[in-house]
Amino acid sequence: MAFVQIGDLHMDEANGWESLPRLDAIVAELNAHFPSSVDFVFLPGDNANHGTPGQYEKITHALARLNLPWRVIPGDHDFELGDLAAYEAAFPAGCRPEVEVIAGHRCVFLDIVSAGAGGPDFRLTMHHRGRLARELARAEAEGQVPLVFMHA
């Protein structure tokens, strides 16, 4: 399995959308040179610097041009407003799965920020711990390689 990680964009108008041209360039590069050799593109959190709808709009507009599937999880900056409402509204449910089998790998995508109090307060809830244990057992039973994706 091959994935590309585009990490910690911290998309923010306060810095003149500094990461937007970088994201646009990455999308163009992936489309031009990696159209079939990558299983998915992964955004590991801190996508928006303050978790605002406008910041997510810039990200989703850039990703709309990506010819590869992409998956996203939240980081502590995505949770800055105290919830993930803007994050969930911006990113389609299919791009933020909890579990997905990709190329024979059981990919478990964990939200380790919304159980905390914001900032660098990363936690797994009992729901996440239970799901992780079940998915690891399921991967073993089905002969899949497990991969766990989280922000920290």
N, C-alpha and C. Protein backbone atom coordinates (compact mmCIF):
# COMPACT_ATOMS: atom_id res chain seq x y z
N MET A 1 0.84 -1.17 0.00
CA MET A 1 0.00 0.00 0.00
C MET A 1 0.89 1.23 0.00
N ALA A 2 0.45 2.24 -0.70
CA ALA A 2 1.18 3.50 -0.74
C ALA A 2 0.22 4.64 -0.44
N PHE A 3 0.61 5.51 0.48
CA PHE A 3 -0.17 6.71 0.74
C PHE A 3 0.77 7.90 0.83
N VAL A 4 0.22 9.07 0.58
CA VAL A 4 0.97 10.31 0.68
C VAL A 4 0.36 11.10 1.82
N GLN A 5 1.20 11.58 2.71
CA GLN A 5 0.73 12.37 3.84
C GLN A 5 0.99 13.85 3.57
N ILE A 6 -0.06 14.63 3.68
CA ILE A 6 0.05 16.10 3.58
C ILE A 6 -0.26 16.62 4.97
N GLY A 7 0.77 16.90 5.73
CA GLY A 7 0.57 17.11 7.15
C GLY A 7 0.52 18.54 7.63
N ASP A 8 -0.38 18.72 8.58
CA ASP A 8 -0.43 19.95 9.37
C ASP A 8 -0.42 21.20 8.50
N LEU A 9 -1.46 21.35 7.70
CA LEU A 9 -1.56 22.52 6.83
C LEU A 9 -1.69 23.82 7.61
N HIS A 10 -2.38 23.79 8.74
CA HIS A 10 -2.63 25.01 9.52
C HIS A 10 -3.14 26.13 8.60
N MET A 11 -4.13 25.79 7.76
CA MET A 11 -4.68 26.76 6.82
C MET A 11 -5.23 27.95 7.60
N ASP A 12 -4.77 29.16 7.24
CA ASP A 12 -5.12 30.33 8.05
C ASP A 12 -5.04 31.62 7.23
N GLU A 13 -6.08 32.41 7.32
CA GLU A 13 -6.07 33.71 6.64
C GLU A 13 -5.09 34.69 7.28
N ALA A 14 -4.78 34.51 8.56
CA ALA A 14 -3.91 35.45 9.27
C ALA A 14 -2.49 35.50 8.68
N ASN A 15 -2.08 34.42 8.02
CA ASN A 15 -0.75 34.42 7.41
C ASN A 15 -0.84 34.54 5.88
N GLY A 16 -1.97 35.07 5.39
CA GLY A 16 -2.14 35.25 3.96
C GLY A 16 -2.36 33.93 3.22
N TRP A 17 -2.94 32.97 3.92
CA TRP A 17 -3.19 31.64 3.34
C TRP A 17 -1.90 31.00 2.85
N GLU A 18 -0.85 31.13 3.64
CA GLU A 18 0.49 30.67 3.26
C GLU A 18 0.53 29.20 2.79
N SER A 19 -0.25 28.34 3.40
CA SER A 19 -0.18 26.93 3.01
C SER A 19 -1.02 26.60 1.78
N LEU A 20 -1.86 27.51 1.33
CA LEU A 20 -2.72 27.22 0.17
C LEU A 20 -1.92 26.98 -1.11
N PRO A 21 -0.96 27.84 -1.47
CA PRO A 21 -0.19 27.54 -2.69
C PRO A 21 0.60 26.24 -2.57
N ARG A 22 1.03 25.91 -1.36
CA ARG A 22 1.74 24.64 -1.16
C ARG A 22 0.79 23.46 -1.42
N LEU A 23 -0.42 23.55 -0.87
CA LEU A 23 -1.40 22.49 -1.09
C LEU A 23 -1.74 22.39 -2.58
N ASP A 24 -1.95 23.51 -3.24
CA ASP A 24 -2.23 23.50 -4.67
C ASP A 24 -1.10 22.83 -5.45
N ALA A 25 0.14 23.13 -5.09
CA ALA A 25 1.31 22.54 -5.78
C ALA A 25 1.39 21.03 -5.53
N ILE A 26 1.09 20.62 -4.32
CA ILE A 26 1.11 19.18 -3.99
C ILE A 26 0.04 18.45 -4.79
N VAL A 27 -1.15 19.03 -4.85
CA VAL A 27 -2.24 18.42 -5.62
C VAL A 27 -1.83 18.30 -7.09
N ALA A 28 -1.27 19.34 -7.66
CA ALA A 28 -0.84 19.30 -9.06
C ALA A 28 0.25 18.25 -9.28
N GLU A 29 1.18 18.17 -8.37
CA GLU A 29 2.27 17.18 -8.47
C GLU A 29 1.72 15.76 -8.37
N LEU A 30 0.82 15.52 -7.45
CA LEU A 30 0.23 14.19 -7.32
C LEU A 30 -0.56 13.82 -8.57
N ASN A 31 -1.33 14.75 -9.09
CA ASN A 31 -2.11 14.48 -10.29
C ASN A 31 -1.22 14.20 -11.50
N ALA A 32 -0.11 14.89 -11.59
CA ALA A 32 0.78 14.75 -12.74
C ALA A 32 1.66 13.50 -12.68
N HIS A 33 2.10 13.14 -11.49
CA HIS A 33 3.13 12.10 -11.41
C HIS A 33 2.74 10.84 -10.64
N PHE A 34 1.65 10.86 -9.93
CA PHE A 34 1.28 9.69 -9.13
C PHE A 34 -0.19 9.31 -9.31
N PRO A 35 -0.71 9.32 -10.52
CA PRO A 35 -2.14 9.11 -10.68
C PRO A 35 -2.64 7.72 -10.29
N SER A 36 -1.79 6.70 -10.36
CA SER A 36 -2.29 5.36 -10.03
C SER A 36 -1.41 4.61 -9.05
N SER A 37 -0.28 5.18 -8.67
CA SER A 37 0.63 4.47 -7.78
C SER A 37 0.39 4.76 -6.30
N VAL A 38 -0.59 5.59 -6.00
CA VAL A 38 -0.89 5.96 -4.61
C VAL A 38 -2.32 5.51 -4.30
N ASP A 39 -2.49 4.82 -3.18
CA ASP A 39 -3.82 4.34 -2.80
C ASP A 39 -4.70 5.46 -2.23
N PHE A 40 -4.11 6.37 -1.49
CA PHE A 40 -4.86 7.51 -0.97
C PHE A 40 -3.90 8.56 -0.44
N VAL A 41 -4.43 9.75 -0.27
CA VAL A 41 -3.71 10.88 0.31
C VAL A 41 -4.28 11.08 1.71
N PHE A 42 -3.40 11.29 2.68
CA PHE A 42 -3.81 11.37 4.08
C PHE A 42 -3.48 12.75 4.65
N LEU A 43 -4.50 13.38 5.25
CA LEU A 43 -4.32 14.63 5.97
C LEU A 43 -4.44 14.33 7.46
N PRO A 44 -3.33 14.41 8.21
CA PRO A 44 -3.29 13.91 9.59
C PRO A 44 -3.70 14.88 10.68
N GLY A 45 -4.45 15.90 10.34
CA GLY A 45 -4.92 16.82 11.38
C GLY A 45 -4.20 18.16 11.35
N ASP A 46 -4.70 19.08 12.15
CA ASP A 46 -4.28 20.48 12.11
C ASP A 46 -4.41 20.98 10.67
N ASN A 47 -5.52 20.61 10.08
CA ASN A 47 -5.81 20.99 8.71
C ASN A 47 -6.10 22.48 8.64
N ALA A 48 -7.02 22.94 9.47
CA ALA A 48 -7.34 24.36 9.61
C ALA A 48 -6.69 24.85 10.89
N ASN A 49 -6.15 26.03 10.86
CA ASN A 49 -5.44 26.52 12.03
C ASN A 49 -6.36 26.84 13.21
N HIS A 50 -7.58 27.28 12.91
CA HIS A 50 -8.52 27.62 13.98
C HIS A 50 -9.85 26.91 13.84
N GLY A 51 -9.94 25.96 12.91
CA GLY A 51 -11.16 25.17 12.74
C GLY A 51 -12.36 25.94 12.24
N THR A 52 -12.13 26.97 11.45
CA THR A 52 -13.26 27.79 10.97
C THR A 52 -13.74 27.30 9.59
N PRO A 53 -15.01 27.53 9.30
CA PRO A 53 -15.53 27.12 7.99
C PRO A 53 -14.75 27.69 6.81
N GLY A 54 -14.34 28.95 6.89
CA GLY A 54 -13.58 29.56 5.80
C GLY A 54 -12.25 28.88 5.54
N GLN A 55 -11.61 28.45 6.61
CA GLN A 55 -10.34 27.75 6.46
C GLN A 55 -10.56 26.39 5.79
N TYR A 56 -11.61 25.70 6.19
CA TYR A 56 -11.91 24.40 5.56
C TYR A 56 -12.32 24.57 4.11
N GLU A 57 -12.99 25.66 3.80
CA GLU A 57 -13.41 25.90 2.42
C GLU A 57 -12.20 25.96 1.49
N LYS A 58 -11.12 26.61 1.93
CA LYS A 58 -9.90 26.69 1.11
C LYS A 58 -9.32 25.29 0.89
N ILE A 59 -9.34 24.46 1.92
CA ILE A 59 -8.78 23.11 1.81
C ILE A 59 -9.61 22.25 0.86
N THR A 60 -10.92 22.25 1.06
CA THR A 60 -11.77 21.39 0.23
C THR A 60 -11.79 21.85 -1.22
N HIS A 61 -11.66 23.15 -1.44
CA HIS A 61 -11.59 23.66 -2.82
C HIS A 61 -10.32 23.12 -3.50
N ALA A 62 -9.20 23.14 -2.80
CA ALA A 62 -7.95 22.62 -3.37
C ALA A 62 -8.03 21.11 -3.58
N LEU A 63 -8.60 20.40 -2.62
CA LEU A 63 -8.69 18.94 -2.73
C LEU A 63 -9.68 18.49 -3.80
N ALA A 64 -10.61 19.34 -4.17
CA ALA A 64 -11.57 18.99 -5.22
C ALA A 64 -10.86 18.71 -6.54
N ARG A 65 -9.69 19.25 -6.73
CA ARG A 65 -8.92 19.03 -7.96
C ARG A 65 -8.06 17.77 -7.88
N LEU A 66 -7.97 17.14 -6.72
CA LEU A 66 -7.14 15.95 -6.55
C LEU A 66 -7.79 14.75 -7.22
N ASN A 67 -7.02 14.04 -8.03
CA ASN A 67 -7.52 12.87 -8.75
C ASN A 67 -7.39 11.58 -7.95
N LEU A 68 -6.91 11.66 -6.74
CA LEU A 68 -6.73 10.50 -5.87
C LEU A 68 -7.73 10.57 -4.72
N PRO A 69 -8.09 9.41 -4.16
CA PRO A 69 -8.92 9.46 -2.95
C PRO A 69 -8.12 10.04 -1.79
N TRP A 70 -8.82 10.66 -0.86
CA TRP A 70 -8.13 11.23 0.29
C TRP A 70 -8.92 10.95 1.56
N ARG A 71 -8.18 10.88 2.67
CA ARG A 71 -8.76 10.64 3.98
C ARG A 71 -8.21 11.69 4.93
N VAL A 72 -9.02 12.06 5.92
CA VAL A 72 -8.64 13.14 6.83
C VAL A 72 -9.04 12.77 8.26
N ILE A 73 -8.22 13.19 9.21
CA ILE A 73 -8.56 13.09 10.63
C ILE A 73 -8.32 14.46 11.26
N PRO A 74 -8.92 14.70 12.42
CA PRO A 74 -8.71 16.01 13.07
C PRO A 74 -7.45 16.05 13.92
N GLY A 75 -6.94 17.26 14.06
CA GLY A 75 -5.87 17.55 15.00
C GLY A 75 -6.39 18.56 16.02
N ASP A 76 -5.54 18.92 16.96
CA ASP A 76 -5.98 19.81 18.03
C ASP A 76 -6.40 21.18 17.50
N HIS A 77 -5.81 21.66 16.43
CA HIS A 77 -6.23 22.96 15.87
C HIS A 77 -7.61 22.85 15.22
N ASP A 78 -7.94 21.69 14.68
CA ASP A 78 -9.28 21.49 14.12
C ASP A 78 -10.34 21.53 15.22
N PHE A 79 -9.92 21.23 16.45
CA PHE A 79 -10.82 21.20 17.60
C PHE A 79 -10.77 22.50 18.41
N GLU A 80 -10.11 23.50 17.88
CA GLU A 80 -9.89 24.74 18.63
C GLU A 80 -11.19 25.41 19.10
N LEU A 81 -12.26 25.29 18.32
CA LEU A 81 -13.53 25.92 18.70
C LEU A 81 -14.30 25.10 19.75
N GLY A 82 -13.75 23.95 20.15
CA GLY A 82 -14.39 23.13 21.18
C GLY A 82 -15.26 22.02 20.63
N ASP A 83 -15.36 21.93 19.32
CA ASP A 83 -16.09 20.82 18.70
C ASP A 83 -15.56 20.64 17.28
N LEU A 84 -16.06 19.64 16.60
CA LEU A 84 -15.63 19.37 15.23
C LEU A 84 -16.74 19.63 14.22
N ALA A 85 -17.69 20.48 14.56
CA ALA A 85 -18.83 20.74 13.69
C ALA A 85 -18.39 21.28 12.33
N ALA A 86 -17.52 22.25 12.30
CA ALA A 86 -17.07 22.83 11.02
C ALA A 86 -16.26 21.81 10.23
N TYR A 87 -15.44 21.05 10.92
CA TYR A 87 -14.64 19.99 10.29
C TYR A 87 -15.56 18.95 9.64
N GLU A 88 -16.55 18.49 10.39
CA GLU A 88 -17.47 17.47 9.87
C GLU A 88 -18.34 18.01 8.74
N ALA A 89 -18.68 19.28 8.80
CA ALA A 89 -19.48 19.88 7.73
C ALA A 89 -18.65 20.05 6.45
N ALA A 90 -17.37 20.27 6.60
CA ALA A 90 -16.51 20.53 5.44
C ALA A 90 -16.10 19.26 4.71
N PHE A 91 -15.77 18.22 5.46
CA PHE A 91 -15.22 17.02 4.85
C PHE A 91 -16.30 15.94 4.75
N PRO A 92 -16.52 15.39 3.56
CA PRO A 92 -17.53 14.34 3.40
C PRO A 92 -17.24 13.14 4.31
N ALA A 93 -18.29 12.50 4.78
CA ALA A 93 -18.14 11.35 5.68
C ALA A 93 -17.25 10.28 5.08
N GLY A 94 -17.32 10.07 3.78
CA GLY A 94 -16.50 9.05 3.14
C GLY A 94 -15.01 9.35 3.17
N CYS A 95 -14.66 10.60 3.41
CA CYS A 95 -13.25 10.99 3.49
C CYS A 95 -12.73 10.99 4.93
N ARG A 96 -13.61 10.72 5.86
CA ARG A 96 -13.20 10.67 7.27
C ARG A 96 -13.75 9.40 7.94
N PRO A 97 -13.38 8.24 7.37
CA PRO A 97 -13.89 6.98 7.93
C PRO A 97 -13.23 6.65 9.26
N GLU A 98 -13.86 5.78 10.02
CA GLU A 98 -13.23 5.27 11.23
C GLU A 98 -12.34 4.09 10.88
N VAL A 99 -12.81 3.25 9.96
CA VAL A 99 -12.06 2.07 9.54
C VAL A 99 -12.31 1.85 8.05
N GLU A 100 -11.26 1.44 7.36
CA GLU A 100 -11.40 1.14 5.94
C GLU A 100 -10.31 0.15 5.55
N VAL A 101 -10.66 -0.84 4.76
CA VAL A 101 -9.67 -1.77 4.24
C VAL A 101 -9.21 -1.23 2.89
N ILE A 102 -7.91 -0.99 2.79
CA ILE A 102 -7.31 -0.43 1.58
C ILE A 102 -6.13 -1.32 1.21
N ALA A 103 -6.19 -1.89 0.04
CA ALA A 103 -5.09 -2.73 -0.48
C ALA A 103 -4.67 -3.80 0.54
N GLY A 104 -5.65 -4.42 1.16
CA GLY A 104 -5.36 -5.49 2.11
C GLY A 104 -4.89 -5.05 3.48
N HIS A 105 -4.94 -3.77 3.74
CA HIS A 105 -4.55 -3.21 5.03
C HIS A 105 -5.79 -2.68 5.74
N ARG A 106 -5.95 -3.05 7.00
CA ARG A 106 -7.05 -2.51 7.79
C ARG A 106 -6.58 -1.20 8.39
N CYS A 107 -7.09 -0.10 7.84
CA CYS A 107 -6.69 1.24 8.26
C CYS A 107 -7.69 1.74 9.30
N VAL A 108 -7.18 2.05 10.47
CA VAL A 108 -7.99 2.56 11.56
C VAL A 108 -7.63 4.02 11.75
N PHE A 109 -8.62 4.90 11.57
CA PHE A 109 -8.41 6.34 11.65
C PHE A 109 -8.98 6.82 12.98
N LEU A 110 -8.13 7.33 13.86
CA LEU A 110 -8.55 7.70 15.21
C LEU A 110 -8.59 9.21 15.42
N ASP A 111 -9.66 9.66 16.03
CA ASP A 111 -9.79 11.04 16.50
C ASP A 111 -9.30 11.03 17.94
N ILE A 112 -8.11 11.56 18.18
CA ILE A 112 -7.57 11.57 19.54
C ILE A 112 -7.63 12.97 20.16
N VAL A 113 -8.37 13.87 19.52
CA VAL A 113 -8.41 15.24 20.03
C VAL A 113 -9.72 15.62 20.69
N SER A 114 -10.85 15.13 20.19
CA SER A 114 -12.12 15.66 20.70
C SER A 114 -12.49 15.14 22.09
N ALA A 115 -11.77 14.15 22.60
CA ALA A 115 -12.01 13.72 23.98
C ALA A 115 -11.26 14.60 24.97
N GLY A 116 -10.30 15.37 24.48
CA GLY A 116 -9.52 16.24 25.35
C GLY A 116 -10.16 17.60 25.51
N ALA A 117 -9.39 18.52 26.06
CA ALA A 117 -9.90 19.86 26.34
C ALA A 117 -9.40 20.88 25.33
N GLY A 118 -8.91 20.44 24.19
CA GLY A 118 -8.33 21.35 23.22
C GLY A 118 -6.85 21.51 23.46
N GLY A 119 -6.18 22.14 22.50
CA GLY A 119 -4.73 22.25 22.62
C GLY A 119 -4.09 20.88 22.53
N PRO A 120 -2.88 20.74 22.93
CA PRO A 120 -2.22 19.43 22.84
C PRO A 120 -2.67 18.49 23.97
N ASP A 121 -3.95 18.17 23.96
CA ASP A 121 -4.55 17.30 24.98
C ASP A 121 -5.13 16.10 24.25
N PHE A 122 -4.28 15.13 23.96
CA PHE A 122 -4.67 14.00 23.13
C PHE A 122 -5.12 12.83 24.01
N ARG A 123 -6.30 12.28 23.69
CA ARG A 123 -6.84 11.19 24.49
C ARG A 123 -7.62 10.23 23.60
N LEU A 124 -7.67 9.00 24.04
CA LEU A 124 -8.55 8.02 23.42
C LEU A 124 -9.68 7.74 24.39
N THR A 125 -10.90 7.77 23.89
CA THR A 125 -12.04 7.42 24.73
C THR A 125 -12.10 5.89 24.85
N MET A 126 -12.95 5.41 25.73
CA MET A 126 -13.15 3.96 25.85
C MET A 126 -13.74 3.43 24.55
N HIS A 127 -14.56 4.22 23.87
CA HIS A 127 -15.08 3.83 22.56
C HIS A 127 -13.93 3.57 21.59
N HIS A 128 -12.98 4.49 21.53
CA HIS A 128 -11.85 4.34 20.63
C HIS A 128 -10.98 3.15 21.01
N ARG A 129 -10.74 2.98 22.30
CA ARG A 129 -9.92 1.84 22.74
C ARG A 129 -10.57 0.51 22.38
N GLY A 130 -11.88 0.44 22.61
CA GLY A 130 -12.61 -0.77 22.27
C GLY A 130 -12.62 -1.03 20.78
N ARG A 131 -12.84 0.02 20.00
CA ARG A 131 -12.86 -0.12 18.54
C ARG A 131 -11.49 -0.53 18.04
N LEU A 132 -10.45 0.07 18.59
CA LEU A 132 -9.10 -0.27 18.17
C LEU A 132 -8.80 -1.74 18.47
N ALA A 133 -9.16 -2.20 19.65
CA ALA A 133 -8.93 -3.61 20.01
C ALA A 133 -9.69 -4.54 19.06
N ARG A 134 -10.94 -4.21 18.78
CA ARG A 134 -11.74 -5.03 17.86
C ARG A 134 -11.16 -5.04 16.46
N GLU A 135 -10.74 -3.89 15.98
CA GLU A 135 -10.22 -3.81 14.62
C GLU A 135 -8.87 -4.50 14.48
N LEU A 136 -8.04 -4.43 15.52
CA LEU A 136 -6.76 -5.15 15.47
C LEU A 136 -7.00 -6.66 15.46
N ALA A 137 -7.95 -7.11 16.26
CA ALA A 137 -8.30 -8.53 16.28
C ALA A 137 -8.88 -8.96 14.94
N ARG A 138 -9.71 -8.12 14.38
CA ARG A 138 -10.32 -8.43 13.09
C ARG A 138 -9.26 -8.49 11.98
N ALA A 139 -8.31 -7.58 12.02
CA ALA A 139 -7.22 -7.60 11.04
C ALA A 139 -6.44 -8.90 11.13
N GLU A 140 -6.15 -9.32 12.33
CA GLU A 140 -5.41 -10.58 12.52
C GLU A 140 -6.23 -11.76 12.00
N ALA A 141 -7.51 -11.79 12.34
CA ALA A 141 -8.37 -12.90 11.91
C ALA A 141 -8.52 -12.96 10.40
N GLU A 142 -8.49 -11.80 9.75
CA GLU A 142 -8.70 -11.75 8.31
C GLU A 142 -7.39 -11.67 7.52
N GLY A 143 -6.26 -11.79 8.23
CA GLY A 143 -4.96 -11.77 7.56
C GLY A 143 -4.60 -10.44 6.95
N GLN A 144 -5.05 -9.37 7.57
CA GLN A 144 -4.76 -8.02 7.07
C GLN A 144 -3.69 -7.36 7.92
N VAL A 145 -2.93 -6.50 7.31
CA VAL A 145 -1.95 -5.71 8.04
C VAL A 145 -2.69 -4.50 8.62
N PRO A 146 -2.63 -4.31 9.95
CA PRO A 146 -3.30 -3.14 10.52
C PRO A 146 -2.41 -1.90 10.48
N LEU A 147 -3.01 -0.78 10.17
CA LEU A 147 -2.34 0.51 10.22
C LEU A 147 -3.23 1.45 11.02
N VAL A 148 -2.65 2.15 11.97
CA VAL A 148 -3.40 3.09 12.80
C VAL A 148 -2.93 4.50 12.48
N PHE A 149 -3.89 5.34 12.13
CA PHE A 149 -3.61 6.73 11.78
C PHE A 149 -4.19 7.63 12.86
N MET A 150 -3.36 8.52 13.41
CA MET A 150 -3.83 9.49 14.39
C MET A 150 -2.95 10.72 14.32
N HIS A 151 -3.38 11.78 14.95
CA HIS A 151 -2.68 13.05 14.83
C HIS A 151 -1.32 13.05 15.54
N ALA A 152 -1.24 12.50 16.71
CA ALA A 152 0.03 12.52 17.48
C ALA A 152 0.58 11.13 17.62
